[in-house]
Amino acid sequence: MNEPVATYQSYLVRLWQDSPHAAWRASACSVQSGENVHFADLDALFLFLWEQVGRDPQDEAISCQRGAVGAPRAD
């Protein structure tokens, strides 16, 4: 059974590099619970955020490619 998804979530997101040419790392701290999650790269952070809102990032990528509202423009 699927758990209900909260209608409001707030995170303090921190981004940093260990050196000028290193990959970006991240953490997300839930304002509501205080839980702090660390990520080795930005892809892991974005996947976490998609999961928190109950969305499949693959579905969103397809929507963006089809020109859905909010999709990045290829200017």
PDB file of N, CA and C in Angstrom:
ATOM      1  N   MET A   1       0.844  -1.175   0.000  1.00  0.00           N
ATOM      2  CA  MET A   1       0.000   0.000   0.000  1.00  0.00           C
ATOM      3  C   MET A   1       0.892   1.241   0.000  1.00  0.00           C
ATOM      4  N   ASN A   2       0.549   2.248  -0.794  1.00  0.00           N
ATOM      5  CA  ASN A   2       1.322   3.473  -0.874  1.00  0.00           C
ATOM      6  C   ASN A   2       1.026   4.372   0.305  1.00  0.00           C
ATOM      7  N   GLU A   3       2.098   5.003   0.837  1.00  0.00           N
ATOM      8  CA  GLU A   3       1.918   5.974   1.896  1.00  0.00           C
ATOM      9  C   GLU A   3       1.487   7.295   1.285  1.00  0.00           C
ATOM     10  N   PRO A   4       0.639   8.057   1.998  1.00  0.00           N
ATOM     11  CA  PRO A   4       0.261   9.365   1.465  1.00  0.00           C
ATOM     12  C   PRO A   4       1.471  10.298   1.436  1.00  0.00           C
ATOM     13  N   VAL A   5       1.508  11.155   0.439  1.00  0.00           N
ATOM     14  CA  VAL A   5       2.594  12.106   0.292  1.00  0.00           C
ATOM     15  C   VAL A   5       2.173  13.417   0.944  1.00  0.00           C
ATOM     16  N   ALA A   6       3.059  13.993   1.730  1.00  0.00           N
ATOM     17  CA  ALA A   6       2.755  15.274   2.367  1.00  0.00           C
ATOM     18  C   ALA A   6       2.534  16.341   1.307  1.00  0.00           C
ATOM     19  N   THR A   7       1.656  17.292   1.593  1.00  0.00           N
ATOM     20  CA  THR A   7       1.382  18.348   0.621  1.00  0.00           C
ATOM     21  C   THR A   7       2.325  19.530   0.784  1.00  0.00           C
ATOM     22  N   TYR A   8       3.137  19.525   1.826  1.00  0.00           N
ATOM     23  CA  TYR A   8       4.115  20.589   2.024  1.00  0.00           C
ATOM     24  C   TYR A   8       5.350  19.990   2.663  1.00  0.00           C
ATOM     25  N   GLN A   9       6.477  20.229   2.068  1.00  0.00           N
ATOM     26  CA  GLN A   9       7.752  19.798   2.631  1.00  0.00           C
ATOM     27  C   GLN A   9       8.752  20.913   2.419  1.00  0.00           C
ATOM     28  N   SER A  10       9.636  21.094   3.375  1.00  0.00           N
ATOM     29  CA  SER A  10      10.628  22.155   3.277  1.00  0.00           C
ATOM     30  C   SER A  10      11.987  21.584   3.666  1.00  0.00           C
ATOM     31  N   TYR A  11      12.990  21.879   2.841  1.00  0.00           N
ATOM     32  CA  TYR A  11      14.345  21.393   3.080  1.00  0.00           C
ATOM     33  C   TYR A  11      15.330  22.543   2.983  1.00  0.00           C
ATOM     34  N   LEU A  12      16.316  22.513   3.846  1.00  0.00           N
ATOM     35  CA  LEU A  12      17.467  23.385   3.710  1.00  0.00           C
ATOM     36  C   LEU A  12      18.501  22.574   2.948  1.00  0.00           C
ATOM     37  N   VAL A  13      18.821  23.014   1.733  1.00  0.00           N
ATOM     38  CA  VAL A  13      19.760  22.283   0.882  1.00  0.00           C
ATOM     39  C   VAL A  13      21.091  23.003   0.915  1.00  0.00           C
ATOM     40  N   ARG A  14      22.146  22.244   1.169  1.00  0.00           N
ATOM     41  CA  ARG A  14      23.506  22.785   1.160  1.00  0.00           C
ATOM     42  C   ARG A  14      24.289  22.095   0.053  1.00  0.00           C
ATOM     43  N   LEU A  15      25.067  22.882  -0.691  1.00  0.00           N
ATOM     44  CA  LEU A  15      25.911  22.364  -1.775  1.00  0.00           C
ATOM     45  C   LEU A  15      27.339  22.797  -1.517  1.00  0.00           C
ATOM     46  N   TRP A  16      28.292  21.901  -1.801  1.00  0.00           N
ATOM     47  CA  TRP A  16      29.702  22.251  -1.648  1.00  0.00           C
ATOM     48  C   TRP A  16      30.585  21.352  -2.494  1.00  0.00           C
ATOM     49  N   GLN A  17      31.813  21.808  -2.692  1.00  0.00           N
ATOM     50  CA  GLN A  17      32.853  21.031  -3.359  1.00  0.00           C
ATOM     51  C   GLN A  17      34.022  20.910  -2.392  1.00  0.00           C
ATOM     52  N   ASP A  18      34.658  19.746  -2.358  1.00  0.00           N
ATOM     53  CA  ASP A  18      35.815  19.554  -1.495  1.00  0.00           C
ATOM     54  C   ASP A  18      37.065  20.213  -2.062  1.00  0.00           C
ATOM     55  N   SER A  19      37.068  20.446  -3.373  1.00  0.00           N
ATOM     56  CA  SER A  19      38.145  21.168  -4.045  1.00  0.00           C
ATOM     57  C   SER A  19      37.551  21.795  -5.306  1.00  0.00           C
ATOM     58  N   PRO A  20      38.258  22.745  -5.937  1.00  0.00           N
ATOM     59  CA  PRO A  20      37.671  23.454  -7.079  1.00  0.00           C
ATOM     60  C   PRO A  20      37.202  22.566  -8.230  1.00  0.00           C
ATOM     61  N   HIS A  21      37.819  21.412  -8.441  1.00  0.00           N
ATOM     62  CA  HIS A  21      37.428  20.556  -9.566  1.00  0.00           C
ATOM     63  C   HIS A  21      36.702  19.285  -9.128  1.00  0.00           C
ATOM     64  N   ALA A  22      36.374  19.199  -7.850  1.00  0.00           N
ATOM     65  CA  ALA A  22      35.672  18.019  -7.332  1.00  0.00           C
ATOM     66  C   ALA A  22      34.187  18.095  -7.686  1.00  0.00           C
ATOM     67  N   ALA A  23      33.536  16.949  -7.633  1.00  0.00           N
ATOM     68  CA  ALA A  23      32.085  16.896  -7.858  1.00  0.00           C
ATOM     69  C   ALA A  23      31.373  17.662  -6.744  1.00  0.00           C
ATOM     70  N   TRP A  24      30.224  18.205  -7.075  1.00  0.00           N
ATOM     71  CA  TRP A  24      29.405  18.862  -6.070  1.00  0.00           C
ATOM     72  C   TRP A  24      28.785  17.810  -5.165  1.00  0.00           C
ATOM     73  N   ARG A  25      28.799  18.073  -3.885  1.00  0.00           N
ATOM     74  CA  ARG A  25      28.148  17.227  -2.893  1.00  0.00           C
ATOM     75  C   ARG A  25      27.005  18.019  -2.293  1.00  0.00           C
ATOM     76  N   ALA A  26      26.123  17.341  -1.566  1.00  0.00           N
ATOM     77  CA  ALA A  26      24.948  18.041  -1.055  1.00  0.00           C
ATOM     78  C   ALA A  26      24.440  17.402   0.232  1.00  0.00           C
ATOM     79  N   SER A  27      23.646  18.175   0.943  1.00  0.00           N
ATOM     80  CA  SER A  27      22.872  17.645   2.061  1.00  0.00           C
ATOM     81  C   SER A  27      21.513  18.330   2.023  1.00  0.00           C
ATOM     82  N   ALA A  28      20.512  17.650   2.537  1.00  0.00           N
ATOM     83  CA  ALA A  28      19.168  18.200   2.640  1.00  0.00           C
ATOM     84  C   ALA A  28      18.673  17.941   4.061  1.00  0.00           C
ATOM     85  N   CYS A  29      18.321  19.016   4.746  1.00  0.00           N
ATOM     86  CA  CYS A  29      17.827  18.907   6.115  1.00  0.00           C
ATOM     87  C   CYS A  29      16.339  19.248   6.118  1.00  0.00           C
ATOM     88  N   SER A  30      15.519  18.313   6.570  1.00  0.00           N
ATOM     89  CA  SER A  30      14.079  18.543   6.652  1.00  0.00           C
ATOM     90  C   SER A  30      13.793  19.560   7.745  1.00  0.00           C
ATOM     91  N   VAL A  31      13.112  20.627   7.376  1.00  0.00           N
ATOM     92  CA  VAL A  31      12.750  21.646   8.347  1.00  0.00           C
ATOM     93  C   VAL A  31      11.748  21.085   9.358  1.00  0.00           C
ATOM     94  N   GLN A  32      10.854  20.207   8.902  1.00  0.00           N
ATOM     95  CA  GLN A  32       9.830  19.666   9.788  1.00  0.00           C
ATOM     96  C   GLN A  32      10.408  18.688  10.822  1.00  0.00           C
ATOM     97  N   SER A  33      11.266  17.753  10.387  1.00  0.00           N
ATOM     98  CA  SER A  33      11.737  16.697  11.284  1.00  0.00           C
ATOM     99  C   SER A  33      13.159  16.896  11.789  1.00  0.00           C
ATOM    100  N   GLY A  34      13.946  17.706  11.089  1.00  0.00           N
ATOM    101  CA  GLY A  34      15.347  17.884  11.448  1.00  0.00           C
ATOM    102  C   GLY A  34      16.252  16.812  10.876  1.00  0.00           C
ATOM    103  N   GLU A  35      15.671  15.832  10.164  1.00  0.00           N
ATOM    104  CA  GLU A  35      16.482  14.773   9.567  1.00  0.00           C
ATOM    105  C   GLU A  35      17.410  15.377   8.517  1.00  0.00           C
ATOM    106  N   ASN A  36      18.689  14.977   8.552  1.00  0.00           N
ATOM    107  CA  ASN A  36      19.679  15.473   7.618  1.00  0.00           C
ATOM    108  C   ASN A  36      20.191  14.313   6.776  1.00  0.00           C
ATOM    109  N   VAL A  37      20.114  14.449   5.446  1.00  0.00           N
ATOM    110  CA  VAL A  37      20.536  13.400   4.531  1.00  0.00           C
ATOM    111  C   VAL A  37      21.672  13.951   3.669  1.00  0.00           C
ATOM    112  N   HIS A  38      22.745  13.161   3.516  1.00  0.00           N
ATOM    113  CA  HIS A  38      23.906  13.585   2.722  1.00  0.00           C
ATOM    114  C   HIS A  38      23.932  12.845   1.387  1.00  0.00           C
ATOM    115  N   PHE A  39      24.440  13.524   0.356  1.00  0.00           N
ATOM    116  CA  PHE A  39      24.481  12.973  -0.998  1.00  0.00           C
ATOM    117  C   PHE A  39      25.867  13.153  -1.602  1.00  0.00           C
ATOM    118  N   ALA A  40      26.344  12.123  -2.281  1.00  0.00           N
ATOM    119  CA  ALA A  40      27.666  12.156  -2.907  1.00  0.00           C
ATOM    120  C   ALA A  40      27.675  12.990  -4.180  1.00  0.00           C
ATOM    121  N   ASP A  41      26.498  13.193  -4.777  1.00  0.00           N
ATOM    122  CA  ASP A  41      26.429  13.994  -6.003  1.00  0.00           C
ATOM    123  C   ASP A  41      25.035  14.589  -6.147  1.00  0.00           C
ATOM    124  N   LEU A  42      24.892  15.495  -7.108  1.00  0.00           N
ATOM    125  CA  LEU A  42      23.617  16.185  -7.285  1.00  0.00           C
ATOM    126  C   LEU A  42      22.526  15.269  -7.816  1.00  0.00           C
ATOM    127  N   ASP A  43      22.898  14.273  -8.631  1.00  0.00           N
ATOM    128  CA  ASP A  43      21.890  13.331  -9.126  1.00  0.00           C
ATOM    129  C   ASP A  43      21.187  12.631  -7.966  1.00  0.00           C
ATOM    130  N   ALA A  44      21.947  12.238  -6.945  1.00  0.00           N
ATOM    131  CA  ALA A  44      21.352  11.563  -5.785  1.00  0.00           C
ATOM    132  C   ALA A  44      20.417  12.515  -5.028  1.00  0.00           C
ATOM    133  N   LEU A  45      20.808  13.780  -4.911  1.00  0.00           N
ATOM    134  CA  LEU A  45      19.943  14.777  -4.266  1.00  0.00           C
ATOM    135  C   LEU A  45      18.637  14.924  -5.031  1.00  0.00           C
ATOM    136  N   PHE A  46      18.723  15.077  -6.361  1.00  0.00           N
ATOM    137  CA  PHE A  46      17.517  15.265  -7.159  1.00  0.00           C
ATOM    138  C   PHE A  46      16.610  14.037  -7.088  1.00  0.00           C
ATOM    139  N   LEU A  47      17.186  12.846  -7.115  1.00  0.00           N
ATOM    140  CA  LEU A  47      16.389  11.627  -6.995  1.00  0.00           C
ATOM    141  C   LEU A  47      15.660  11.595  -5.651  1.00  0.00           C
ATOM    142  N   PHE A  48      16.361  11.939  -4.587  1.00  0.00           N
ATOM    143  CA  PHE A  48      15.754  12.000  -3.258  1.00  0.00           C
ATOM    144  C   PHE A  48      14.557  12.954  -3.250  1.00  0.00           C
ATOM    145  N   LEU A  49      14.733  14.148  -3.822  1.00  0.00           N
ATOM    146  CA  LEU A  49      13.648  15.133  -3.828  1.00  0.00           C
ATOM    147  C   LEU A  49      12.449  14.652  -4.636  1.00  0.00           C
ATOM    148  N   TRP A  50      12.697  14.020  -5.792  1.00  0.00           N
ATOM    149  CA  TRP A  50      11.588  13.456  -6.575  1.00  0.00           C
ATOM    150  C   TRP A  50      10.842  12.403  -5.763  1.00  0.00           C
ATOM    151  N   GLU A  51      11.595  11.559  -5.061  1.00  0.00           N
ATOM    152  CA  GLU A  51      10.959  10.508  -4.263  1.00  0.00           C
ATOM    153  C   GLU A  51      10.119  11.096  -3.131  1.00  0.00           C
ATOM    154  N   GLN A  52      10.550  12.218  -2.563  1.00  0.00           N
ATOM    155  CA  GLN A  52       9.822  12.835  -1.457  1.00  0.00           C
ATOM    156  C   GLN A  52       8.451  13.348  -1.881  1.00  0.00           C
ATOM    157  N   VAL A  53       8.312  13.680  -3.141  1.00  0.00           N
ATOM    158  CA  VAL A  53       7.008  14.164  -3.620  1.00  0.00           C
ATOM    159  C   VAL A  53       6.239  13.077  -4.360  1.00  0.00           C
ATOM    160  N   GLY A  54       6.737  11.838  -4.276  1.00  0.00           N
ATOM    161  CA  GLY A  54       6.016  10.705  -4.838  1.00  0.00           C
ATOM    162  C   GLY A  54       5.997  10.675  -6.344  1.00  0.00           C
ATOM    163  N   ARG A  55       7.047  11.207  -6.979  1.00  0.00           N
ATOM    164  CA  ARG A  55       7.097  11.247  -8.434  1.00  0.00           C
ATOM    165  C   ARG A  55       8.230  10.364  -8.938  1.00  0.00           C
ATOM    166  N   ASP A  56       8.082   9.861 -10.135  1.00  0.00           N
ATOM    167  CA  ASP A  56       9.112   9.061 -10.785  1.00  0.00           C
ATOM    168  C   ASP A  56       9.926   9.984 -11.684  1.00  0.00           C
ATOM    169  N   PRO A  57      11.216  10.153 -11.416  1.00  0.00           N
ATOM    170  CA  PRO A  57      12.015  11.074 -12.234  1.00  0.00           C
ATOM    171  C   PRO A  57      12.051  10.690 -13.706  1.00  0.00           C
ATOM    172  N   GLN A  58      11.887   9.420 -14.034  1.00  0.00           N
ATOM    173  CA  GLN A  58      11.862   9.008 -15.441  1.00  0.00           C
ATOM    174  C   GLN A  58      10.627   9.570 -16.138  1.00  0.00           C
ATOM    175  N   ASP A  59       9.487   9.565 -15.458  1.00  0.00           N
ATOM    176  CA  ASP A  59       8.268  10.139 -16.035  1.00  0.00           C
ATOM    177  C   ASP A  59       8.441  11.634 -16.267  1.00  0.00           C
ATOM    178  N   GLU A  60       9.088  12.307 -15.338  1.00  0.00           N
ATOM    179  CA  GLU A  60       9.297  13.746 -15.470  1.00  0.00           C
ATOM    180  C   GLU A  60      10.234  14.062 -16.629  1.00  0.00           C
ATOM    181  N   ALA A  61      11.262  13.248 -16.832  1.00  0.00           N
ATOM    182  CA  ALA A  61      12.185  13.467 -17.944  1.00  0.00           C
ATOM    183  C   ALA A  61      11.460  13.349 -19.272  1.00  0.00           C
ATOM    184  N   ILE A  62      10.550  12.385 -19.368  1.00  0.00           N
ATOM    185  CA  ILE A  62       9.769  12.216 -20.597  1.00  0.00           C
ATOM    186  C   ILE A  62       8.868  13.423 -20.804  1.00  0.00           C
ATOM    187  N   SER A  63       8.227  13.922 -19.730  1.00  0.00           N
ATOM    188  CA  SER A  63       7.362  15.093 -19.842  1.00  0.00           C
ATOM    189  C   SER A  63       8.149  16.301 -20.318  1.00  0.00           C
ATOM    190  N   CYS A  64       9.346  16.495 -19.798  1.00  0.00           N
ATOM    191  CA  CYS A  64      10.176  17.626 -20.193  1.00  0.00           C
ATOM    192  C   CYS A  64      10.553  17.525 -21.663  1.00  0.00           C
ATOM    193  N   GLN A  65      10.851  16.340 -22.125  1.00  0.00           N
ATOM    194  CA  GLN A  65      11.222  16.149 -23.532  1.00  0.00           C
ATOM    195  C   GLN A  65      10.049  16.461 -24.456  1.00  0.00           C
ATOM    196  N   ARG A  66       8.846  16.254 -23.973  1.00  0.00           N
ATOM    197  CA  ARG A  66       7.645  16.512 -24.788  1.00  0.00           C
ATOM    198  C   ARG A  66       7.176  17.943 -24.711  1.00  0.00           C
ATOM    199  N   GLY A  67       7.885  18.788 -23.949  1.00  0.00           N
ATOM    200  CA  GLY A  67       7.524  20.199 -23.868  1.00  0.00           C
ATOM    201  C   GLY A  67       6.441  20.499 -22.879  1.00  0.00           C
ATOM    202  N   ALA A  68       6.402  19.761 -21.800  1.00  0.00           N
ATOM    203  CA  ALA A  68       5.401  20.015 -20.772  1.00  0.00           C
ATOM    204  C   ALA A  68       5.664  21.365 -20.110  1.00  0.00           C
ATOM    205  N   VAL A  69       4.666  21.888 -19.411  1.00  0.00           N
ATOM    206  CA  VAL A  69       4.816  23.134 -18.706  1.00  0.00           C
ATOM    207  C   VAL A  69       5.966  23.022 -17.722  1.00  0.00           C
ATOM    208  N   GLY A  70       6.816  24.039 -17.712  1.00  0.00           N
ATOM    209  CA  GLY A  70       7.966  24.036 -16.816  1.00  0.00           C
ATOM    210  C   GLY A  70       9.169  23.331 -17.374  1.00  0.00           C
ATOM    211  N   ALA A  71       9.057  22.780 -18.570  1.00  0.00           N
ATOM    212  CA  ALA A  71      10.186  22.089 -19.178  1.00  0.00           C
ATOM    213  C   ALA A  71      11.245  23.105 -19.597  1.00  0.00           C
ATOM    214  N   PRO A  72      12.521  22.732 -19.473  1.00  0.00           N
ATOM    215  CA  PRO A  72      13.568  23.650 -19.918  1.00  0.00           C
ATOM    216  C   PRO A  72      13.471  23.902 -21.407  1.00  0.00           C
ATOM    217  N   ARG A  73      13.733  25.135 -21.802  1.00  0.00           N
ATOM    218  CA  ARG A  73      13.674  25.490 -23.215  1.00  0.00           C
ATOM    219  C   ARG A  73      15.031  25.274 -23.849  1.00  0.00           C
ATOM    220  N   ALA A  74      15.030  24.849 -25.093  1.00  0.00           N
ATOM    221  CA  ALA A  74      16.269  24.629 -25.839  1.00  0.00           C
ATOM    222  C   ALA A  74      16.525  25.829 -26.726  1.00  0.00           C
ATOM    223  N   ASP A  75      16.905  26.954 -26.125  1.00  0.00           N
ATOM    224  CA  ASP A  75      17.179  28.172 -26.889  1.00  0.00           C
ATOM    225  C   ASP A  75      18.606  28.204 -27.387  1.00  0.00           C
TER     226      ASP A  75
END
